[in-house]
Amino acid sequence: MPIRYAVSFTQTAIRDLEEIWAFIAEDDVEQATKFILKLERQISSLERFPERCPLIAENELMNTRYRHLVWEDYRTIFRISARAVYIMRVIHGARLLNNPLLESASVD
Protein backbone atom coordinates (compact mmCIF):
# COMPACT_ATOMS: atom_id res chain seq x y z
CA MET A 1 0.00 0.00 0.00
CA PRO A 2 1.44 3.42 -0.93
CA ILE A 3 2.51 5.79 1.79
CA ARG A 4 -0.04 8.46 2.67
CA TYR A 5 1.40 11.90 3.35
CA ALA A 6 -0.09 14.49 5.69
CA VAL A 7 -0.64 17.75 3.79
CA SER A 8 -0.21 20.95 5.82
CA PHE A 9 -0.54 24.57 4.73
CA THR A 10 1.63 27.41 5.94
CA GLN A 11 -0.21 30.55 6.99
CA THR A 12 1.23 32.22 3.90
CA ALA A 13 -0.28 29.54 1.64
CA ILE A 14 -3.64 29.98 3.36
CA ARG A 15 -3.44 33.73 2.72
CA ASP A 16 -2.53 32.99 -0.90
CA LEU A 17 -5.74 30.96 -1.29
CA GLU A 18 -7.77 33.72 0.36
CA GLU A 19 -6.28 36.31 -2.00
CA ILE A 20 -6.98 34.15 -5.05
CA TRP A 21 -10.59 33.74 -3.90
CA ALA A 22 -10.98 37.48 -3.30
CA PHE A 23 -9.56 38.32 -6.72
CA ILE A 24 -11.93 35.96 -8.55
CA ALA A 25 -14.84 36.95 -6.27
CA GLU A 26 -14.61 40.54 -7.48
CA ASP A 27 -16.34 39.21 -10.60
CA ASP A 28 -18.21 36.15 -9.33
CA VAL A 29 -18.34 34.83 -5.75
CA GLU A 30 -19.77 31.47 -6.76
CA GLN A 31 -17.05 30.91 -9.37
CA ALA A 32 -14.39 31.93 -6.85
CA THR A 33 -15.64 29.33 -4.39
CA LYS A 34 -15.81 26.60 -7.05
CA PHE A 35 -12.31 27.44 -8.25
CA ILE A 36 -10.79 27.29 -4.76
CA LEU A 37 -12.53 23.99 -4.01
CA LYS A 38 -11.12 22.49 -7.23
CA LEU A 39 -7.67 23.88 -6.44
CA GLU A 40 -7.83 22.40 -2.93
CA ARG A 41 -8.79 19.01 -4.41
CA GLN A 42 -5.74 19.17 -6.64
CA ILE A 43 -3.56 20.02 -3.65
CA SER A 44 -5.06 17.22 -1.56
CA SER A 45 -3.95 14.78 -4.28
CA LEU A 46 -0.44 15.31 -2.88
CA GLU A 47 -1.39 12.90 -0.08
CA ARG A 48 -0.33 10.20 -2.50
CA PHE A 49 2.80 10.29 -4.64
CA PRO A 50 3.90 13.92 -4.14
CA GLU A 51 7.20 12.93 -5.78
CA ARG A 52 5.34 12.80 -9.10
CA CYS A 53 5.56 16.59 -9.19
CA PRO A 54 8.75 18.06 -10.61
CA LEU A 55 11.37 19.97 -8.71
CA ILE A 56 11.13 23.69 -9.41
CA ALA A 57 13.72 25.41 -11.57
CA GLU A 58 14.33 28.04 -8.87
CA ASN A 59 15.87 25.41 -6.58
CA GLU A 60 19.23 25.90 -8.22
CA LEU A 61 19.25 29.62 -7.39
CA MET A 62 17.76 29.26 -3.91
CA ASN A 63 19.55 26.06 -2.85
CA THR A 64 16.25 24.37 -1.96
CA ARG A 65 14.41 21.15 -2.87
CA TYR A 66 10.90 22.47 -3.52
CA ARG A 67 8.48 20.87 -5.93
CA HIS A 68 5.42 22.27 -7.59
CA LEU A 69 2.00 21.12 -8.64
CA VAL A 70 0.73 23.13 -11.58
CA TRP A 71 -3.02 23.43 -12.01
CA GLU A 72 -4.76 25.94 -14.26
CA ASP A 73 -2.65 29.13 -13.99
CA TYR A 74 -1.39 28.42 -10.46
CA ARG A 75 1.65 26.78 -8.96
CA THR A 76 1.45 25.10 -5.57
CA ILE A 77 4.97 25.20 -4.17
CA PHE A 78 5.66 22.52 -1.56
CA ARG A 79 8.33 20.52 0.16
CA ILE A 80 8.34 16.95 1.35
CA SER A 81 9.69 15.97 4.74
CA ALA A 82 9.37 12.38 5.96
CA ARG A 83 5.65 11.60 5.56
CA ALA A 84 4.50 15.21 5.35
CA VAL A 85 3.92 17.63 2.50
CA TYR A 86 4.19 21.30 3.45
CA ILE A 87 2.39 23.71 1.14
CA MET A 88 4.59 26.78 1.14
CA ARG A 89 2.88 29.03 -1.43
CA VAL A 90 0.11 29.01 -4.02
CA ILE A 91 1.01 31.60 -6.64
CA HIS A 92 0.05 32.56 -10.14
CA GLY A 93 2.32 30.90 -12.68
CA ALA A 94 3.40 34.28 -14.06
CA ARG A 95 4.91 35.29 -10.71
CA LEU A 96 8.56 34.69 -10.10
CA LEU A 97 9.40 32.69 -7.02
CA ASN A 98 12.22 34.07 -4.91
CA ASN A 99 13.53 33.78 -1.39
CA PRO A 100 11.49 36.67 0.07
CA LEU A 101 8.31 34.98 -1.17
CA LEU A 102 9.24 31.84 0.71
CA GLU A 103 10.84 33.38 3.77
CA SER A 104 7.41 34.53 4.92
CA ALA A 105 6.05 31.01 4.52
CA SER A 106 6.94 29.37 7.81
CA VAL A 107 5.71 25.90 8.61
CA ASP A 108 3.20 25.84 11.45
C-alpha atoms as a PDB file:
ATOM      1  CA  MET A   1       0.000   0.000   0.000  1.00  0.00           C
ATOM      2  CA  PRO A   2       1.443   3.422  -0.925  1.00  0.00           C
ATOM      3  CA  ILE A   3       2.514   5.795   1.792  1.00  0.00           C
ATOM      4  CA  ARG A   4      -0.039   8.460   2.668  1.00  0.00           C
ATOM      5  CA  TYR A   5       1.398  11.903   3.350  1.00  0.00           C
ATOM      6  CA  ALA A   6      -0.086  14.488   5.690  1.00  0.00           C
ATOM      7  CA  VAL A   7      -0.644  17.747   3.793  1.00  0.00           C
ATOM      8  CA  SER A   8      -0.209  20.951   5.818  1.00  0.00           C
ATOM      9  CA  PHE A   9      -0.543  24.565   4.734  1.00  0.00           C
ATOM     10  CA  THR A  10       1.626  27.407   5.938  1.00  0.00           C
ATOM     11  CA  GLN A  11      -0.212  30.552   6.994  1.00  0.00           C
ATOM     12  CA  THR A  12       1.226  32.216   3.899  1.00  0.00           C
ATOM     13  CA  ALA A  13      -0.278  29.541   1.640  1.00  0.00           C
ATOM     14  CA  ILE A  14      -3.640  29.976   3.356  1.00  0.00           C
ATOM     15  CA  ARG A  15      -3.438  33.728   2.716  1.00  0.00           C
ATOM     16  CA  ASP A  16      -2.531  32.992  -0.901  1.00  0.00           C
ATOM     17  CA  LEU A  17      -5.744  30.963  -1.292  1.00  0.00           C
ATOM     18  CA  GLU A  18      -7.770  33.724   0.356  1.00  0.00           C
ATOM     19  CA  GLU A  19      -6.281  36.313  -1.999  1.00  0.00           C
ATOM     20  CA  ILE A  20      -6.982  34.148  -5.048  1.00  0.00           C
ATOM     21  CA  TRP A  21     -10.587  33.738  -3.899  1.00  0.00           C
ATOM     22  CA  ALA A  22     -10.977  37.483  -3.300  1.00  0.00           C
ATOM     23  CA  PHE A  23      -9.560  38.320  -6.722  1.00  0.00           C
ATOM     24  CA  ILE A  24     -11.934  35.964  -8.545  1.00  0.00           C
ATOM     25  CA  ALA A  25     -14.841  36.946  -6.266  1.00  0.00           C
ATOM     26  CA  GLU A  26     -14.605  40.536  -7.484  1.00  0.00           C
ATOM     27  CA  ASP A  27     -16.335  39.210 -10.599  1.00  0.00           C
ATOM     28  CA  ASP A  28     -18.208  36.146  -9.333  1.00  0.00           C
ATOM     29  CA  VAL A  29     -18.341  34.829  -5.753  1.00  0.00           C
ATOM     30  CA  GLU A  30     -19.768  31.466  -6.765  1.00  0.00           C
ATOM     31  CA  GLN A  31     -17.046  30.909  -9.373  1.00  0.00           C
ATOM     32  CA  ALA A  32     -14.386  31.928  -6.849  1.00  0.00           C
ATOM     33  CA  THR A  33     -15.638  29.329  -4.387  1.00  0.00           C
ATOM     34  CA  LYS A  34     -15.812  26.604  -7.052  1.00  0.00           C
ATOM     35  CA  PHE A  35     -12.311  27.445  -8.252  1.00  0.00           C
ATOM     36  CA  ILE A  36     -10.790  27.294  -4.757  1.00  0.00           C
ATOM     37  CA  LEU A  37     -12.534  23.992  -4.011  1.00  0.00           C
ATOM     38  CA  LYS A  38     -11.120  22.493  -7.225  1.00  0.00           C
ATOM     39  CA  LEU A  39      -7.670  23.878  -6.438  1.00  0.00           C
ATOM     40  CA  GLU A  40      -7.834  22.405  -2.930  1.00  0.00           C
ATOM     41  CA  ARG A  41      -8.793  19.014  -4.409  1.00  0.00           C
ATOM     42  CA  GLN A  42      -5.737  19.167  -6.641  1.00  0.00           C
ATOM     43  CA  ILE A  43      -3.555  20.024  -3.650  1.00  0.00           C
ATOM     44  CA  SER A  44      -5.059  17.219  -1.560  1.00  0.00           C
ATOM     45  CA  SER A  45      -3.949  14.778  -4.281  1.00  0.00           C
ATOM     46  CA  LEU A  46      -0.444  15.311  -2.883  1.00  0.00           C
ATOM     47  CA  GLU A  47      -1.389  12.903  -0.085  1.00  0.00           C
ATOM     48  CA  ARG A  48      -0.328  10.203  -2.504  1.00  0.00           C
ATOM     49  CA  PHE A  49       2.795  10.285  -4.642  1.00  0.00           C
ATOM     50  CA  PRO A  50       3.899  13.917  -4.142  1.00  0.00           C
ATOM     51  CA  GLU A  51       7.204  12.934  -5.778  1.00  0.00           C
ATOM     52  CA  ARG A  52       5.339  12.800  -9.103  1.00  0.00           C
ATOM     53  CA  CYS A  53       5.563  16.587  -9.193  1.00  0.00           C
ATOM     54  CA  PRO A  54       8.751  18.058 -10.608  1.00  0.00           C
ATOM     55  CA  LEU A  55      11.371  19.971  -8.711  1.00  0.00           C
ATOM     56  CA  ILE A  56      11.126  23.693  -9.409  1.00  0.00           C
ATOM     57  CA  ALA A  57      13.717  25.415 -11.573  1.00  0.00           C
ATOM     58  CA  GLU A  58      14.329  28.042  -8.874  1.00  0.00           C
ATOM     59  CA  ASN A  59      15.869  25.411  -6.582  1.00  0.00           C
ATOM     60  CA  GLU A  60      19.230  25.900  -8.223  1.00  0.00           C
ATOM     61  CA  LEU A  61      19.253  29.618  -7.390  1.00  0.00           C
ATOM     62  CA  MET A  62      17.765  29.264  -3.910  1.00  0.00           C
ATOM     63  CA  ASN A  63      19.551  26.060  -2.848  1.00  0.00           C
ATOM     64  CA  THR A  64      16.247  24.367  -1.963  1.00  0.00           C
ATOM     65  CA  ARG A  65      14.406  21.146  -2.867  1.00  0.00           C
ATOM     66  CA  TYR A  66      10.895  22.467  -3.517  1.00  0.00           C
ATOM     67  CA  ARG A  67       8.476  20.872  -5.928  1.00  0.00           C
ATOM     68  CA  HIS A  68       5.419  22.266  -7.595  1.00  0.00           C
ATOM     69  CA  LEU A  69       1.996  21.119  -8.640  1.00  0.00           C
ATOM     70  CA  VAL A  70       0.728  23.132 -11.578  1.00  0.00           C
ATOM     71  CA  TRP A  71      -3.023  23.433 -12.015  1.00  0.00           C
ATOM     72  CA  GLU A  72      -4.763  25.941 -14.262  1.00  0.00           C
ATOM     73  CA  ASP A  73      -2.654  29.129 -13.991  1.00  0.00           C
ATOM     74  CA  TYR A  74      -1.393  28.421 -10.456  1.00  0.00           C
ATOM     75  CA  ARG A  75       1.655  26.777  -8.956  1.00  0.00           C
ATOM     76  CA  THR A  76       1.452  25.104  -5.574  1.00  0.00           C
ATOM     77  CA  ILE A  77       4.972  25.204  -4.166  1.00  0.00           C
ATOM     78  CA  PHE A  78       5.662  22.523  -1.564  1.00  0.00           C
ATOM     79  CA  ARG A  79       8.333  20.525   0.157  1.00  0.00           C
ATOM     80  CA  ILE A  80       8.339  16.952   1.348  1.00  0.00           C
ATOM     81  CA  SER A  81       9.694  15.974   4.741  1.00  0.00           C
ATOM     82  CA  ALA A  82       9.373  12.378   5.959  1.00  0.00           C
ATOM     83  CA  ARG A  83       5.649  11.601   5.561  1.00  0.00           C
ATOM     84  CA  ALA A  84       4.499  15.209   5.347  1.00  0.00           C
ATOM     85  CA  VAL A  85       3.923  17.630   2.504  1.00  0.00           C
ATOM     86  CA  TYR A  86       4.188  21.296   3.453  1.00  0.00           C
ATOM     87  CA  ILE A  87       2.390  23.705   1.141  1.00  0.00           C
ATOM     88  CA  MET A  88       4.589  26.777   1.138  1.00  0.00           C
ATOM     89  CA  ARG A  89       2.885  29.031  -1.429  1.00  0.00           C
ATOM     90  CA  VAL A  90       0.111  29.014  -4.019  1.00  0.00           C
ATOM     91  CA  ILE A  91       1.010  31.596  -6.635  1.00  0.00           C
ATOM     92  CA  HIS A  92       0.048  32.559 -10.142  1.00  0.00           C
ATOM     93  CA  GLY A  93       2.321  30.897 -12.678  1.00  0.00           C
ATOM     94  CA  ALA A  94       3.397  34.281 -14.058  1.00  0.00           C
ATOM     95  CA  ARG A  95       4.911  35.290 -10.707  1.00  0.00           C
ATOM     96  CA  LEU A  96       8.556  34.685 -10.102  1.00  0.00           C
ATOM     97  CA  LEU A  97       9.396  32.686  -7.024  1.00  0.00           C
ATOM     98  CA  ASN A  98      12.223  34.067  -4.913  1.00  0.00           C
ATOM     99  CA  ASN A  99      13.533  33.776  -1.387  1.00  0.00           C
ATOM    100  CA  PRO A 100      11.494  36.667   0.070  1.00  0.00           C
ATOM    101  CA  LEU A 101       8.307  34.984  -1.167  1.00  0.00           C
ATOM    102  CA  LEU A 102       9.237  31.838   0.705  1.00  0.00           C
ATOM    103  CA  GLU A 103      10.843  33.383   3.775  1.00  0.00           C
ATOM    104  CA  SER A 104       7.414  34.531   4.918  1.00  0.00           C
ATOM    105  CA  ALA A 105       6.051  31.006   4.524  1.00  0.00           C
ATOM    106  CA  SER A 106       6.945  29.369   7.814  1.00  0.00           C
ATOM    107  CA  VAL A 107       5.712  25.898   8.610  1.00  0.00           C
ATOM    108  CA  ASP A 108       3.202  25.843  11.453  1.00  0.00           C
END
